Amino acid sequence: MSTFYIGVSGVARAGKDSFTNALLEILKNDGFNAKRFALAEPLKNDCKQFIHEKLGLDVWTDNSEEKSIFRELLVWYGKVKRQQTQGKYWTSLLDEHVNQVLPEVCIISDIRYQQYDEDEVHWLKNKKNGILIHVERTDIEGKVVPPANMDETINDSIVKEHADYKVCWPTVGVEDLYTLDIYAKNAYDSVVREKLYATKNS
């Protein structure tokens, strides 16, 4: 079968990584060779030396406070490369990576833009015939976690409009993350399974 694509979108700290990991486990348990990818991986690789030498920080940190220090730098660099290529730079690099690995299912954990005609959402849904799942998280007061910057404020709502499935899940502690698996299972059963098996049997 050709590689089946699933994209996950949402603002920073919405839980895209947690959702991607949960969906990855479901796919593996269902017998699929599924791999996780991120458009931001080559971006971070390009910037990691500068951030380490000039800021004394690790670009791969999970610390939210440290991420906030250099997030705008990553956004700026990513935006410049997208402007130079009409939104195709990072997806073209991902294409190369996926073609080297050739998984049955490719899950991309950070679909963020539909600014240009052939931007990330277009690439996922039109070129790859993939599925887009948008993720939001509510805080302990029940309020949706807001965008981290103006770039997200502008783009997340646009990307959300193109989603095939929308998830809004609550904030839980690390020890209770497993309780969120049902959200990934619902998405899998609702929009992924049928199209995935159709692709497998075609």
N, C-alpha and C. Protein backbone atom coordinates (compact mmCIF):
# COMPACT_ATOMS: atom_id res chain seq x y z
N MET A 1 0.84 -1.20 0.00
CA MET A 1 0.00 0.00 0.00
C MET A 1 0.87 1.24 0.00
N SER A 2 0.37 2.33 -0.58
CA SER A 2 1.07 3.60 -0.51
C SER A 2 0.91 4.17 0.90
N THR A 3 1.81 5.05 1.27
CA THR A 3 1.77 5.63 2.62
C THR A 3 0.50 6.44 2.83
N PHE A 4 -0.15 6.21 3.96
CA PHE A 4 -1.36 6.93 4.35
C PHE A 4 -0.95 8.05 5.30
N TYR A 5 -1.46 9.26 5.07
CA TYR A 5 -1.04 10.43 5.83
C TYR A 5 -2.13 10.94 6.78
N ILE A 6 -1.71 11.24 8.01
CA ILE A 6 -2.58 11.87 9.00
C ILE A 6 -1.84 13.09 9.55
N GLY A 7 -2.49 14.25 9.52
CA GLY A 7 -1.90 15.45 10.08
C GLY A 7 -2.63 15.87 11.33
N VAL A 8 -1.88 16.38 12.30
CA VAL A 8 -2.45 16.86 13.56
C VAL A 8 -2.12 18.35 13.68
N SER A 9 -3.14 19.16 13.96
CA SER A 9 -2.94 20.61 14.08
C SER A 9 -3.43 21.09 15.44
N GLY A 10 -3.10 22.35 15.73
CA GLY A 10 -3.49 22.95 17.01
C GLY A 10 -2.41 23.90 17.49
N VAL A 11 -2.73 24.74 18.44
CA VAL A 11 -1.76 25.71 18.95
C VAL A 11 -0.76 25.03 19.86
N ALA A 12 0.29 25.76 20.23
CA ALA A 12 1.28 25.25 21.18
C ALA A 12 0.59 24.89 22.49
N ARG A 13 0.97 23.76 23.07
CA ARG A 13 0.45 23.27 24.35
C ARG A 13 -1.00 22.79 24.27
N ALA A 14 -1.49 22.55 23.05
CA ALA A 14 -2.84 22.01 22.91
C ALA A 14 -2.86 20.50 23.16
N GLY A 15 -1.70 19.88 23.05
CA GLY A 15 -1.62 18.43 23.25
C GLY A 15 -1.42 17.66 21.95
N LYS A 16 -0.85 18.31 20.93
CA LYS A 16 -0.64 17.64 19.64
C LYS A 16 0.26 16.43 19.78
N ASP A 17 1.32 16.56 20.57
CA ASP A 17 2.26 15.44 20.74
C ASP A 17 1.59 14.28 21.47
N SER A 18 0.84 14.59 22.53
CA SER A 18 0.16 13.53 23.29
C SER A 18 -0.87 12.83 22.41
N PHE A 19 -1.62 13.60 21.63
CA PHE A 19 -2.61 13.00 20.74
C PHE A 19 -1.93 12.14 19.68
N THR A 20 -0.86 12.65 19.10
CA THR A 20 -0.12 11.89 18.08
C THR A 20 0.38 10.58 18.64
N ASN A 21 0.94 10.61 19.85
CA ASN A 21 1.47 9.39 20.46
C ASN A 21 0.36 8.37 20.73
N ALA A 22 -0.80 8.86 21.18
CA ALA A 22 -1.92 7.96 21.45
C ALA A 22 -2.42 7.32 20.16
N LEU A 23 -2.52 8.11 19.10
CA LEU A 23 -2.98 7.60 17.81
C LEU A 23 -1.96 6.63 17.23
N LEU A 24 -0.69 6.91 17.45
CA LEU A 24 0.38 6.03 16.98
C LEU A 24 0.25 4.64 17.60
N GLU A 25 -0.04 4.59 18.89
CA GLU A 25 -0.19 3.30 19.58
C GLU A 25 -1.39 2.53 19.05
N ILE A 26 -2.49 3.23 18.78
CA ILE A 26 -3.68 2.57 18.24
C ILE A 26 -3.36 1.94 16.89
N LEU A 27 -2.66 2.67 16.04
CA LEU A 27 -2.31 2.17 14.71
C LEU A 27 -1.38 0.96 14.80
N LYS A 28 -0.40 1.02 15.69
CA LYS A 28 0.52 -0.10 15.85
C LYS A 28 -0.21 -1.32 16.39
N ASN A 29 -1.12 -1.11 17.33
CA ASN A 29 -1.89 -2.22 17.88
C ASN A 29 -2.83 -2.83 16.84
N ASP A 30 -3.18 -2.03 15.83
CA ASP A 30 -4.03 -2.51 14.75
C ASP A 30 -3.21 -3.16 13.63
N GLY A 31 -1.90 -3.27 13.85
CA GLY A 31 -1.05 -3.99 12.91
C GLY A 31 -0.38 -3.16 11.84
N PHE A 32 -0.43 -1.82 11.96
CA PHE A 32 0.15 -0.96 10.94
C PHE A 32 1.56 -0.51 11.32
N ASN A 33 2.40 -0.41 10.31
CA ASN A 33 3.74 0.17 10.48
C ASN A 33 3.58 1.69 10.41
N ALA A 34 3.37 2.31 11.55
CA ALA A 34 3.11 3.74 11.61
C ALA A 34 4.31 4.46 12.21
N LYS A 35 4.64 5.60 11.63
CA LYS A 35 5.77 6.41 12.11
C LYS A 35 5.32 7.85 12.32
N ARG A 36 5.92 8.47 13.29
CA ARG A 36 5.63 9.87 13.61
C ARG A 36 6.68 10.78 12.96
N PHE A 37 6.22 11.87 12.37
CA PHE A 37 7.11 12.87 11.77
C PHE A 37 6.67 14.26 12.22
N ALA A 38 7.57 15.22 12.06
CA ALA A 38 7.21 16.61 12.37
C ALA A 38 7.89 17.53 11.38
N LEU A 39 7.14 18.49 10.87
CA LEU A 39 7.70 19.48 9.96
C LEU A 39 8.77 20.31 10.66
N ALA A 40 8.67 20.43 11.98
CA ALA A 40 9.60 21.26 12.75
C ALA A 40 10.94 20.58 13.00
N GLU A 41 11.07 19.29 12.72
CA GLU A 41 12.34 18.59 13.01
C GLU A 41 13.52 19.19 12.24
N PRO A 42 13.43 19.33 10.90
CA PRO A 42 14.57 19.94 10.20
C PRO A 42 14.75 21.41 10.56
N LEU A 43 13.66 22.11 10.88
CA LEU A 43 13.75 23.50 11.31
C LEU A 43 14.57 23.61 12.58
N LYS A 44 14.27 22.76 13.54
CA LYS A 44 15.01 22.78 14.81
C LYS A 44 16.47 22.36 14.61
N ASN A 45 16.69 21.40 13.73
CA ASN A 45 18.06 21.00 13.44
C ASN A 45 18.88 22.16 12.88
N ASP A 46 18.24 22.96 12.01
CA ASP A 46 18.92 24.11 11.43
C ASP A 46 19.28 25.15 12.49
N CYS A 47 18.47 25.27 13.53
CA CYS A 47 18.63 26.34 14.52
C CYS A 47 19.31 25.90 15.82
N LYS A 48 19.52 24.59 15.99
CA LYS A 48 19.96 24.09 17.30
C LYS A 48 21.33 24.63 17.72
N GLN A 49 22.26 24.75 16.78
CA GLN A 49 23.60 25.23 17.14
C GLN A 49 23.55 26.68 17.59
N PHE A 50 22.82 27.51 16.84
CA PHE A 50 22.71 28.93 17.20
C PHE A 50 22.07 29.09 18.57
N ILE A 51 20.97 28.37 18.82
CA ILE A 51 20.26 28.49 20.09
C ILE A 51 21.12 28.01 21.25
N HIS A 52 21.90 26.96 21.01
CA HIS A 52 22.79 26.45 22.07
C HIS A 52 23.92 27.43 22.35
N GLU A 53 24.56 27.94 21.28
CA GLU A 53 25.73 28.81 21.46
C GLU A 53 25.34 30.20 21.95
N LYS A 54 24.26 30.76 21.44
CA LYS A 54 23.89 32.13 21.78
C LYS A 54 22.97 32.25 22.99
N LEU A 55 22.16 31.21 23.23
CA LEU A 55 21.19 31.28 24.32
C LEU A 55 21.46 30.28 25.44
N GLY A 56 22.33 29.31 25.16
CA GLY A 56 22.63 28.29 26.16
C GLY A 56 21.45 27.37 26.42
N LEU A 57 20.60 27.18 25.39
CA LEU A 57 19.40 26.36 25.54
C LEU A 57 19.39 25.22 24.53
N ASP A 58 18.62 24.20 24.85
CA ASP A 58 18.47 23.04 23.98
C ASP A 58 17.18 23.17 23.18
N VAL A 59 17.30 23.18 21.86
CA VAL A 59 16.13 23.37 21.00
C VAL A 59 15.11 22.26 21.17
N TRP A 60 15.54 21.11 21.70
CA TRP A 60 14.65 19.95 21.85
C TRP A 60 14.03 19.86 23.25
N THR A 61 14.22 20.89 24.07
CA THR A 61 13.70 20.86 25.44
C THR A 61 12.19 20.69 25.48
N ASP A 62 11.70 20.06 26.55
CA ASP A 62 10.27 19.95 26.79
C ASP A 62 9.79 21.01 27.78
N ASN A 63 10.71 21.83 28.26
CA ASN A 63 10.38 22.87 29.23
C ASN A 63 9.66 24.02 28.54
N SER A 64 8.41 24.27 28.94
CA SER A 64 7.59 25.29 28.27
C SER A 64 8.19 26.68 28.39
N GLU A 65 8.78 27.02 29.55
CA GLU A 65 9.36 28.34 29.74
C GLU A 65 10.56 28.54 28.83
N GLU A 66 11.39 27.52 28.70
CA GLU A 66 12.55 27.62 27.81
C GLU A 66 12.11 27.70 26.35
N LYS A 67 11.11 26.93 25.99
CA LYS A 67 10.60 26.98 24.61
C LYS A 67 10.13 28.38 24.25
N SER A 68 9.48 29.04 25.20
CA SER A 68 8.92 30.37 24.93
C SER A 68 10.01 31.40 24.64
N ILE A 69 11.23 31.13 25.11
CA ILE A 69 12.33 32.08 24.89
C ILE A 69 12.73 32.13 23.42
N PHE A 70 12.76 30.96 22.77
CA PHE A 70 13.23 30.94 21.37
C PHE A 70 12.14 30.59 20.37
N ARG A 71 10.88 30.49 20.82
CA ARG A 71 9.80 30.12 19.89
C ARG A 71 9.68 31.12 18.73
N GLU A 72 9.77 32.42 19.03
CA GLU A 72 9.62 33.42 17.97
C GLU A 72 10.74 33.32 16.94
N LEU A 73 11.93 32.92 17.37
CA LEU A 73 13.04 32.72 16.44
C LEU A 73 12.73 31.58 15.47
N LEU A 74 12.21 30.48 16.00
CA LEU A 74 11.84 29.36 15.14
C LEU A 74 10.73 29.74 14.18
N VAL A 75 9.73 30.46 14.69
CA VAL A 75 8.61 30.90 13.85
C VAL A 75 9.13 31.78 12.71
N TRP A 76 10.04 32.71 13.05
CA TRP A 76 10.58 33.62 12.04
C TRP A 76 11.33 32.85 10.95
N TYR A 77 12.21 31.96 11.37
CA TYR A 77 13.01 31.21 10.39
C TYR A 77 12.12 30.32 9.53
N GLY A 78 11.18 29.65 10.16
CA GLY A 78 10.26 28.80 9.40
C GLY A 78 9.45 29.61 8.42
N LYS A 79 9.05 30.80 8.82
CA LYS A 79 8.24 31.68 7.96
C LYS A 79 9.04 32.15 6.75
N VAL A 80 10.30 32.49 6.95
CA VAL A 80 11.14 32.95 5.85
C VAL A 80 11.30 31.86 4.79
N LYS A 81 11.58 30.64 5.23
CA LYS A 81 11.75 29.53 4.27
C LYS A 81 10.45 29.22 3.56
N ARG A 82 9.33 29.39 4.23
CA ARG A 82 8.04 29.17 3.58
C ARG A 82 7.76 30.27 2.56
N GLN A 83 8.11 31.52 2.89
CA GLN A 83 7.92 32.62 1.96
C GLN A 83 8.74 32.42 0.69
N GLN A 84 9.95 31.92 0.84
CA GLN A 84 10.83 31.72 -0.31
C GLN A 84 10.32 30.64 -1.26
N THR A 85 9.47 29.75 -0.74
CA THR A 85 9.02 28.60 -1.54
C THR A 85 7.50 28.51 -1.66
N GLN A 86 6.80 29.59 -1.30
CA GLN A 86 5.34 29.58 -1.33
C GLN A 86 4.76 28.42 -0.49
N GLY A 87 5.38 28.20 0.66
CA GLY A 87 4.86 27.22 1.62
C GLY A 87 5.30 25.79 1.41
N LYS A 88 6.23 25.55 0.47
CA LYS A 88 6.55 24.16 0.12
C LYS A 88 7.88 23.66 0.68
N TYR A 89 8.65 24.51 1.34
CA TYR A 89 10.00 24.12 1.77
C TYR A 89 9.99 22.96 2.76
N TRP A 90 9.24 23.11 3.85
CA TRP A 90 9.28 22.09 4.91
C TRP A 90 8.56 20.80 4.49
N THR A 91 7.50 20.91 3.70
CA THR A 91 6.81 19.70 3.24
C THR A 91 7.67 18.94 2.24
N SER A 92 8.47 19.65 1.45
CA SER A 92 9.35 18.95 0.51
C SER A 92 10.43 18.17 1.26
N LEU A 93 10.93 18.73 2.35
CA LEU A 93 11.90 18.00 3.17
C LEU A 93 11.27 16.78 3.82
N LEU A 94 10.03 16.93 4.26
CA LEU A 94 9.33 15.80 4.87
C LEU A 94 9.08 14.70 3.83
N ASP A 95 8.74 15.10 2.61
CA ASP A 95 8.57 14.13 1.53
C ASP A 95 9.81 13.26 1.38
N GLU A 96 10.98 13.89 1.38
CA GLU A 96 12.23 13.16 1.24
C GLU A 96 12.43 12.17 2.39
N HIS A 97 12.11 12.63 3.61
CA HIS A 97 12.28 11.78 4.78
C HIS A 97 11.34 10.57 4.74
N VAL A 98 10.08 10.82 4.44
CA VAL A 98 9.10 9.74 4.38
C VAL A 98 9.46 8.73 3.29
N ASN A 99 9.94 9.21 2.16
CA ASN A 99 10.31 8.32 1.06
C ASN A 99 11.50 7.43 1.41
N GLN A 100 12.31 7.87 2.36
CA GLN A 100 13.42 7.05 2.83
C GLN A 100 12.95 5.96 3.78
N VAL A 101 11.93 6.28 4.59
CA VAL A 101 11.45 5.36 5.62
C VAL A 101 10.34 4.44 5.09
N LEU A 102 9.45 5.00 4.25
CA LEU A 102 8.33 4.28 3.64
C LEU A 102 7.45 3.53 4.65
N PRO A 103 6.87 4.26 5.62
CA PRO A 103 5.94 3.62 6.55
C PRO A 103 4.59 3.40 5.89
N GLU A 104 3.77 2.54 6.48
CA GLU A 104 2.40 2.40 5.99
C GLU A 104 1.58 3.64 6.34
N VAL A 105 1.84 4.18 7.53
CA VAL A 105 1.12 5.37 7.99
C VAL A 105 2.12 6.41 8.48
N CYS A 106 1.96 7.61 7.99
CA CYS A 106 2.78 8.75 8.40
C CYS A 106 1.90 9.72 9.19
N ILE A 107 2.23 9.94 10.46
CA ILE A 107 1.50 10.92 11.28
C ILE A 107 2.37 12.15 11.47
N ILE A 108 1.88 13.29 11.02
CA ILE A 108 2.62 14.55 11.14
C ILE A 108 2.01 15.34 12.28
N SER A 109 2.81 15.65 13.28
CA SER A 109 2.29 16.19 14.53
C SER A 109 2.17 17.71 14.56
N ASP A 110 2.45 18.38 13.43
CA ASP A 110 2.47 19.85 13.51
C ASP A 110 2.08 20.52 12.18
N ILE A 111 0.87 20.26 11.72
CA ILE A 111 0.34 20.98 10.56
C ILE A 111 -0.16 22.33 11.05
N ARG A 112 0.39 23.42 10.49
CA ARG A 112 0.08 24.75 11.07
C ARG A 112 -0.38 25.80 10.06
N TYR A 113 -0.20 25.57 8.76
CA TYR A 113 -0.43 26.68 7.82
C TYR A 113 -1.26 26.30 6.60
N GLN A 114 -2.08 27.27 6.16
CA GLN A 114 -2.72 27.25 4.85
C GLN A 114 -2.75 28.69 4.36
N GLN A 115 -1.57 29.26 4.22
CA GLN A 115 -1.40 30.65 3.80
C GLN A 115 -1.23 30.75 2.29
N TYR A 116 -0.51 29.78 1.71
CA TYR A 116 -0.26 29.75 0.27
C TYR A 116 -1.10 28.66 -0.39
N ASP A 117 -1.19 28.72 -1.71
CA ASP A 117 -2.03 27.77 -2.43
C ASP A 117 -1.61 26.32 -2.19
N GLU A 118 -0.31 26.08 -2.06
CA GLU A 118 0.19 24.72 -1.87
C GLU A 118 0.87 24.56 -0.52
N ASP A 119 0.28 25.17 0.48
CA ASP A 119 0.83 25.14 1.84
C ASP A 119 0.57 23.77 2.51
N GLU A 120 0.83 23.70 3.80
CA GLU A 120 0.82 22.41 4.51
C GLU A 120 -0.52 21.69 4.45
N VAL A 121 -1.62 22.41 4.64
CA VAL A 121 -2.94 21.77 4.61
C VAL A 121 -3.23 21.24 3.20
N HIS A 122 -2.95 22.05 2.19
CA HIS A 122 -3.15 21.62 0.80
C HIS A 122 -2.30 20.39 0.49
N TRP A 123 -1.05 20.43 0.91
CA TRP A 123 -0.13 19.30 0.70
C TRP A 123 -0.69 18.03 1.32
N LEU A 124 -1.16 18.13 2.56
CA LEU A 124 -1.68 16.97 3.28
C LEU A 124 -2.95 16.42 2.63
N LYS A 125 -3.91 17.30 2.40
CA LYS A 125 -5.25 16.85 1.99
C LYS A 125 -5.39 16.63 0.48
N ASN A 126 -4.71 17.44 -0.31
CA ASN A 126 -4.86 17.34 -1.76
C ASN A 126 -3.77 16.51 -2.43
N LYS A 127 -2.53 16.74 -2.02
CA LYS A 127 -1.44 15.98 -2.65
C LYS A 127 -1.30 14.58 -2.06
N LYS A 128 -1.55 14.45 -0.77
CA LYS A 128 -1.38 13.16 -0.10
C LYS A 128 -2.69 12.46 0.19
N ASN A 129 -3.81 13.13 -0.09
CA ASN A 129 -5.13 12.56 0.19
C ASN A 129 -5.25 12.13 1.65
N GLY A 130 -4.68 12.95 2.53
CA GLY A 130 -4.64 12.61 3.94
C GLY A 130 -5.78 13.19 4.74
N ILE A 131 -5.72 12.94 6.03
CA ILE A 131 -6.75 13.37 6.99
C ILE A 131 -6.14 14.37 7.95
N LEU A 132 -6.88 15.43 8.27
CA LEU A 132 -6.42 16.44 9.21
C LEU A 132 -7.28 16.40 10.47
N ILE A 133 -6.61 16.29 11.62
CA ILE A 133 -7.28 16.29 12.92
C ILE A 133 -6.79 17.50 13.72
N HIS A 134 -7.73 18.33 14.18
CA HIS A 134 -7.38 19.53 14.94
C HIS A 134 -7.60 19.27 16.43
N VAL A 135 -6.63 19.69 17.24
CA VAL A 135 -6.67 19.43 18.68
C VAL A 135 -6.69 20.74 19.47
N GLU A 136 -7.60 20.82 20.43
CA GLU A 136 -7.64 21.91 21.40
C GLU A 136 -7.63 21.31 22.80
N ARG A 137 -7.12 22.10 23.77
CA ARG A 137 -7.12 21.63 25.16
C ARG A 137 -7.73 22.70 26.04
N THR A 138 -8.55 22.28 26.99
CA THR A 138 -9.11 23.21 27.97
C THR A 138 -8.28 23.15 29.25
N ASP A 139 -8.14 24.29 29.91
CA ASP A 139 -7.39 24.32 31.17
C ASP A 139 -8.29 23.89 32.32
N ILE A 140 -7.79 23.99 33.54
CA ILE A 140 -8.54 23.49 34.69
C ILE A 140 -9.80 24.32 34.95
N GLU A 141 -9.88 25.51 34.35
CA GLU A 141 -11.09 26.34 34.48
C GLU A 141 -12.04 26.13 33.32
N GLY A 142 -11.68 25.22 32.41
CA GLY A 142 -12.54 24.94 31.27
C GLY A 142 -12.37 25.87 30.08
N LYS A 143 -11.35 26.73 30.13
CA LYS A 143 -11.09 27.67 29.03
C LYS A 143 -10.12 27.04 28.03
N VAL A 144 -10.37 27.25 26.75
CA VAL A 144 -9.49 26.71 25.71
C VAL A 144 -8.13 27.40 25.78
N VAL A 145 -7.06 26.61 25.76
CA VAL A 145 -5.70 27.17 25.79
C VAL A 145 -5.52 28.07 24.56
N PRO A 146 -5.13 29.34 24.78
CA PRO A 146 -5.07 30.29 23.67
C PRO A 146 -3.81 30.13 22.82
N PRO A 147 -3.79 30.74 21.65
CA PRO A 147 -2.57 30.74 20.82
C PRO A 147 -1.40 31.35 21.57
N ALA A 148 -0.19 30.85 21.24
CA ALA A 148 1.00 31.32 21.94
C ALA A 148 1.52 32.64 21.39
N ASN A 149 1.13 32.99 20.17
CA ASN A 149 1.64 34.21 19.54
C ASN A 149 0.68 34.65 18.43
N MET A 150 0.98 35.79 17.80
CA MET A 150 0.11 36.32 16.76
C MET A 150 0.06 35.39 15.55
N ASP A 151 1.17 34.74 15.26
CA ASP A 151 1.21 33.82 14.12
C ASP A 151 0.18 32.70 14.30
N GLU A 152 0.09 32.15 15.50
CA GLU A 152 -0.90 31.11 15.78
C GLU A 152 -2.32 31.69 15.78
N THR A 153 -2.47 32.89 16.30
CA THR A 153 -3.79 33.53 16.33
C THR A 153 -4.36 33.64 14.92
N ILE A 154 -3.51 34.01 13.99
CA ILE A 154 -3.95 34.19 12.60
C ILE A 154 -4.20 32.85 11.91
N ASN A 155 -3.29 31.91 12.10
CA ASN A 155 -3.30 30.70 11.27
C ASN A 155 -4.09 29.52 11.82
N ASP A 156 -4.17 29.39 13.14
CA ASP A 156 -4.82 28.19 13.68
C ASP A 156 -6.29 28.11 13.31
N SER A 157 -6.99 29.22 13.35
CA SER A 157 -8.42 29.19 13.01
C SER A 157 -8.64 28.83 11.54
N ILE A 158 -7.72 29.24 10.68
CA ILE A 158 -7.81 28.89 9.26
C ILE A 158 -7.61 27.40 9.06
N VAL A 159 -6.59 26.87 9.70
CA VAL A 159 -6.30 25.44 9.58
C VAL A 159 -7.45 24.62 10.16
N LYS A 160 -8.00 25.07 11.28
CA LYS A 160 -9.09 24.35 11.94
C LYS A 160 -10.29 24.18 11.01
N GLU A 161 -10.54 25.17 10.17
CA GLU A 161 -11.67 25.10 9.23
C GLU A 161 -11.54 23.93 8.26
N HIS A 162 -10.31 23.51 8.00
CA HIS A 162 -10.06 22.43 7.04
C HIS A 162 -10.00 21.05 7.70
N ALA A 163 -10.15 21.00 9.02
CA ALA A 163 -10.01 19.73 9.73
C ALA A 163 -11.14 18.76 9.41
N ASP A 164 -10.80 17.49 9.27
CA ASP A 164 -11.79 16.42 9.07
C ASP A 164 -12.40 15.99 10.39
N TYR A 165 -11.68 16.26 11.48
CA TYR A 165 -12.16 15.87 12.81
C TYR A 165 -11.56 16.84 13.82
N LYS A 166 -12.34 17.23 14.82
CA LYS A 166 -11.89 18.18 15.83
C LYS A 166 -11.96 17.54 17.22
N VAL A 167 -10.89 17.72 17.97
CA VAL A 167 -10.79 17.18 19.33
C VAL A 167 -10.65 18.33 20.30
N CYS A 168 -11.41 18.31 21.38
CA CYS A 168 -11.23 19.26 22.48
C CYS A 168 -11.18 18.44 23.76
N TRP A 169 -10.00 18.37 24.34
CA TRP A 169 -9.86 17.52 25.52
C TRP A 169 -9.38 18.31 26.73
N PRO A 170 -9.60 17.76 27.93
CA PRO A 170 -9.28 18.49 29.16
C PRO A 170 -7.82 18.35 29.56
N THR A 171 -7.39 19.20 30.45
CA THR A 171 -6.06 19.10 31.05
C THR A 171 -6.08 18.03 32.14
N VAL A 172 -5.11 17.12 32.09
CA VAL A 172 -4.98 16.10 33.14
C VAL A 172 -3.51 16.00 33.55
N GLY A 173 -3.27 15.39 34.70
CA GLY A 173 -1.91 15.18 35.15
C GLY A 173 -1.22 14.08 34.37
N VAL A 174 0.10 14.02 34.48
CA VAL A 174 0.87 13.02 33.74
C VAL A 174 0.39 11.61 34.06
N GLU A 175 0.04 11.38 35.32
CA GLU A 175 -0.38 10.03 35.73
C GLU A 175 -1.74 9.65 35.14
N ASP A 176 -2.48 10.63 34.63
CA ASP A 176 -3.81 10.36 34.08
C ASP A 176 -3.89 10.53 32.57
N LEU A 177 -2.74 10.63 31.91
CA LEU A 177 -2.73 10.83 30.46
C LEU A 177 -3.46 9.71 29.72
N TYR A 178 -3.40 8.50 30.30
CA TYR A 178 -4.04 7.36 29.64
C TYR A 178 -5.55 7.56 29.49
N THR A 179 -6.13 8.40 30.33
CA THR A 179 -7.58 8.61 30.26
C THR A 179 -7.97 9.36 28.97
N LEU A 180 -6.99 9.98 28.33
CA LEU A 180 -7.26 10.72 27.11
C LEU A 180 -7.21 9.85 25.85
N ASP A 181 -6.81 8.58 26.02
CA ASP A 181 -6.69 7.69 24.87
C ASP A 181 -8.01 7.56 24.11
N ILE A 182 -9.13 7.68 24.83
CA ILE A 182 -10.44 7.52 24.21
C ILE A 182 -10.67 8.58 23.13
N TYR A 183 -10.07 9.77 23.30
CA TYR A 183 -10.22 10.82 22.30
C TYR A 183 -9.54 10.43 20.99
N ALA A 184 -8.37 9.82 21.11
CA ALA A 184 -7.67 9.34 19.91
C ALA A 184 -8.42 8.17 19.29
N LYS A 185 -8.97 7.29 20.13
CA LYS A 185 -9.71 6.14 19.63
C LYS A 185 -10.97 6.60 18.88
N ASN A 186 -11.65 7.60 19.40
CA ASN A 186 -12.84 8.13 18.74
C ASN A 186 -12.49 8.71 17.36
N ALA A 187 -11.37 9.43 17.30
CA ALA A 187 -10.94 10.00 16.02
C ALA A 187 -10.60 8.89 15.04
N TYR A 188 -9.92 7.87 15.53
CA TYR A 188 -9.54 6.74 14.67
C TYR A 188 -10.77 6.04 14.11
N ASP A 189 -11.72 5.79 14.98
CA ASP A 189 -12.94 5.09 14.54
C ASP A 189 -13.80 5.95 13.63
N SER A 190 -13.78 7.27 13.85
CA SER A 190 -14.67 8.17 13.11
C SER A 190 -14.17 8.52 11.72
N VAL A 191 -12.87 8.82 11.59
CA VAL A 191 -12.39 9.34 10.30
C VAL A 191 -11.17 8.63 9.72
N VAL A 192 -10.47 7.85 10.54
CA VAL A 192 -9.22 7.26 10.05
C VAL A 192 -9.41 5.84 9.54
N ARG A 193 -10.03 4.99 10.34
CA ARG A 193 -10.06 3.55 10.05
C ARG A 193 -10.57 3.22 8.64
N GLU A 194 -11.75 3.73 8.28
CA GLU A 194 -12.37 3.37 7.01
C GLU A 194 -11.49 3.79 5.82
N LYS A 195 -11.01 5.02 5.86
CA LYS A 195 -10.18 5.51 4.75
C LYS A 195 -8.85 4.79 4.70
N LEU A 196 -8.31 4.47 5.86
CA LEU A 196 -7.03 3.76 5.92
C LEU A 196 -7.14 2.36 5.32
N TYR A 197 -8.18 1.62 5.68
CA TYR A 197 -8.34 0.28 5.16
C TYR A 197 -8.68 0.29 3.67
N ALA A 198 -9.38 1.34 3.24
CA ALA A 198 -9.65 1.47 1.80
C ALA A 198 -8.36 1.66 1.03
N THR A 199 -7.44 2.44 1.61
CA THR A 199 -6.14 2.65 0.99
C THR A 199 -5.33 1.36 0.99
N LYS A 200 -5.40 0.63 2.09
CA LYS A 200 -4.64 -0.61 2.20
C LYS A 200 -5.11 -1.65 1.18
N ASN A 201 -6.41 -1.67 0.92
CA ASN A 201 -6.96 -2.71 0.03
C ASN A 201 -7.04 -2.27 -1.43
N SER A 202 -6.62 -1.04 -1.71
CA SER A 202 -6.72 -0.55 -3.09
C SER A 202 -5.56 -1.06 -3.94
